[in-house]
Amino acid sequence: MFNPSSPRTQLISALSRIRHEWQDAAGSNSLIEVDGNMGMLLADLINGIDLGTTEQVQILGADLYQELKDFLHSPAHNN
């Protein structure tokens, strides 16, 4: 039986939403051929599945978590 609120269904929905965002950002380029930043890839994934701060730090490690937090809140990125 289909359960739209199951964790698996929510994960599939989140990953699909992230793929759509990446495709929009890539324009006409194939996602296979787009160069990417692995730190940002991980950030998109953990944000897409709504992980809490503790879980994010556990996945990314404290240093990468702080780097991404600083990057995302930097004035250059928010313009």
C-alpha atoms as a PDB file:
ATOM      1  CA  MET A   1       0.000   0.000   0.000  1.00  0.00           C
ATOM      2  CA  PHE A   2       1.265   3.507  -0.905  1.00  0.00           C
ATOM      3  CA  ASN A   3       1.991   5.735   2.068  1.00  0.00           C
ATOM      4  CA  PRO A   4       2.728   9.349   0.959  1.00  0.00           C
ATOM      5  CA  SER A   5       4.159  10.244   4.362  1.00  0.00           C
ATOM      6  CA  SER A   6       6.574   7.320   4.673  1.00  0.00           C
ATOM      7  CA  PRO A   7      10.254   8.206   5.146  1.00  0.00           C
ATOM      8  CA  ARG A   8      11.111   6.497   1.859  1.00  0.00           C
ATOM      9  CA  THR A   9       8.497   8.486  -0.071  1.00  0.00           C
ATOM     10  CA  GLN A  10       9.680  11.725   1.541  1.00  0.00           C
ATOM     11  CA  LEU A  11      13.285  10.923   0.630  1.00  0.00           C
ATOM     12  CA  ILE A  12      12.345  10.179  -2.983  1.00  0.00           C
ATOM     13  CA  SER A  13      10.422  13.443  -3.168  1.00  0.00           C
ATOM     14  CA  ALA A  14      13.323  15.442  -1.688  1.00  0.00           C
ATOM     15  CA  LEU A  15      15.888  13.903  -4.045  1.00  0.00           C
ATOM     16  CA  SER A  16      13.615  14.505  -7.025  1.00  0.00           C
ATOM     17  CA  ARG A  17      13.153  18.154  -5.997  1.00  0.00           C
ATOM     18  CA  ILE A  18      16.950  18.574  -5.699  1.00  0.00           C
ATOM     19  CA  ARG A  19      17.446  17.037  -9.162  1.00  0.00           C
ATOM     20  CA  HIS A  20      14.933  19.476 -10.638  1.00  0.00           C
ATOM     21  CA  GLU A  21      16.781  22.388  -9.036  1.00  0.00           C
ATOM     22  CA  TRP A  22      20.103  21.133 -10.414  1.00  0.00           C
ATOM     23  CA  GLN A  23      18.591  20.683 -13.873  1.00  0.00           C
ATOM     24  CA  ASP A  24      17.226  24.222 -13.789  1.00  0.00           C
ATOM     25  CA  ALA A  25      20.651  25.526 -12.760  1.00  0.00           C
ATOM     26  CA  ALA A  26      22.402  23.491 -15.490  1.00  0.00           C
ATOM     27  CA  GLY A  27      20.122  24.831 -18.213  1.00  0.00           C
ATOM     28  CA  SER A  28      20.487  22.797 -21.382  1.00  0.00           C
ATOM     29  CA  ASN A  29      23.568  20.915 -20.138  1.00  0.00           C
ATOM     30  CA  SER A  30      23.250  17.300 -19.044  1.00  0.00           C
ATOM     31  CA  LEU A  31      23.766  16.753 -15.326  1.00  0.00           C
ATOM     32  CA  ILE A  32      26.215  13.996 -16.298  1.00  0.00           C
ATOM     33  CA  GLU A  33      28.467  16.599 -17.929  1.00  0.00           C
ATOM     34  CA  VAL A  34      28.176  19.384 -15.336  1.00  0.00           C
ATOM     35  CA  ASP A  35      31.152  19.918 -13.044  1.00  0.00           C
ATOM     36  CA  GLY A  36      30.131  20.299  -9.454  1.00  0.00           C
ATOM     37  CA  ASN A  37      31.300  21.084  -5.981  1.00  0.00           C
ATOM     38  CA  MET A  38      31.007  18.045  -3.703  1.00  0.00           C
ATOM     39  CA  GLY A  39      30.559  20.186  -0.590  1.00  0.00           C
ATOM     40  CA  MET A  40      27.597  21.953  -2.149  1.00  0.00           C
ATOM     41  CA  LEU A  41      26.224  18.629  -3.376  1.00  0.00           C
ATOM     42  CA  LEU A  42      26.265  17.296   0.180  1.00  0.00           C
ATOM     43  CA  ALA A  43      24.748  20.550   1.475  1.00  0.00           C
ATOM     44  CA  ASP A  44      21.900  20.307  -1.031  1.00  0.00           C
ATOM     45  CA  LEU A  45      21.250  16.718  -0.032  1.00  0.00           C
ATOM     46  CA  ILE A  46      21.202  17.289   3.705  1.00  0.00           C
ATOM     47  CA  ASN A  47      19.080  20.409   3.333  1.00  0.00           C
ATOM     48  CA  GLY A  48      16.750  18.612   0.937  1.00  0.00           C
ATOM     49  CA  ILE A  49      15.995  15.872   3.424  1.00  0.00           C
ATOM     50  CA  ASP A  50      15.576  18.325   6.320  1.00  0.00           C
ATOM     51  CA  LEU A  51      18.285  17.003   8.607  1.00  0.00           C
ATOM     52  CA  GLY A  52      18.863  18.789  11.875  1.00  0.00           C
ATOM     53  CA  THR A  53      22.078  20.585  12.767  1.00  0.00           C
ATOM     54  CA  THR A  54      23.502  17.673  14.763  1.00  0.00           C
ATOM     55  CA  GLU A  55      22.869  15.272  11.879  1.00  0.00           C
ATOM     56  CA  GLN A  56      24.372  17.733   9.386  1.00  0.00           C
ATOM     57  CA  VAL A  57      27.544  18.090  11.461  1.00  0.00           C
ATOM     58  CA  GLN A  58      27.756  14.314  11.803  1.00  0.00           C
ATOM     59  CA  ILE A  59      27.529  13.836   8.019  1.00  0.00           C
ATOM     60  CA  LEU A  60      29.697  16.756   6.918  1.00  0.00           C
ATOM     61  CA  GLY A  61      32.130  16.923   9.805  1.00  0.00           C
ATOM     62  CA  ALA A  62      32.534  20.071  11.864  1.00  0.00           C
ATOM     63  CA  ASP A  63      34.977  21.802   9.490  1.00  0.00           C
ATOM     64  CA  LEU A  64      32.957  21.361   6.284  1.00  0.00           C
ATOM     65  CA  TYR A  65      29.731  22.197   8.123  1.00  0.00           C
ATOM     66  CA  GLN A  66      31.229  25.501   9.295  1.00  0.00           C
ATOM     67  CA  GLU A  67      32.702  26.269   5.850  1.00  0.00           C
ATOM     68  CA  LEU A  68      29.329  25.747   4.183  1.00  0.00           C
ATOM     69  CA  LYS A  69      27.530  27.756   6.846  1.00  0.00           C
ATOM     70  CA  ASP A  70      29.989  30.640   6.381  1.00  0.00           C
ATOM     71  CA  PHE A  71      29.721  30.393   2.583  1.00  0.00           C
ATOM     72  CA  LEU A  72      25.924  30.346   2.534  1.00  0.00           C
ATOM     73  CA  HIS A  73      25.721  33.343   4.854  1.00  0.00           C
ATOM     74  CA  SER A  74      28.448  35.369   3.153  1.00  0.00           C
ATOM     75  CA  PRO A  75      27.437  38.721   1.604  1.00  0.00           C
ATOM     76  CA  ALA A  76      28.859  37.672  -1.789  1.00  0.00           C
ATOM     77  CA  HIS A  77      26.574  34.630  -1.895  1.00  0.00           C
ATOM     78  CA  ASN A  78      23.466  36.523  -0.765  1.00  0.00           C
ATOM     79  CA  ASN A  79      23.612  39.206  -3.496  1.00  0.00           C
END
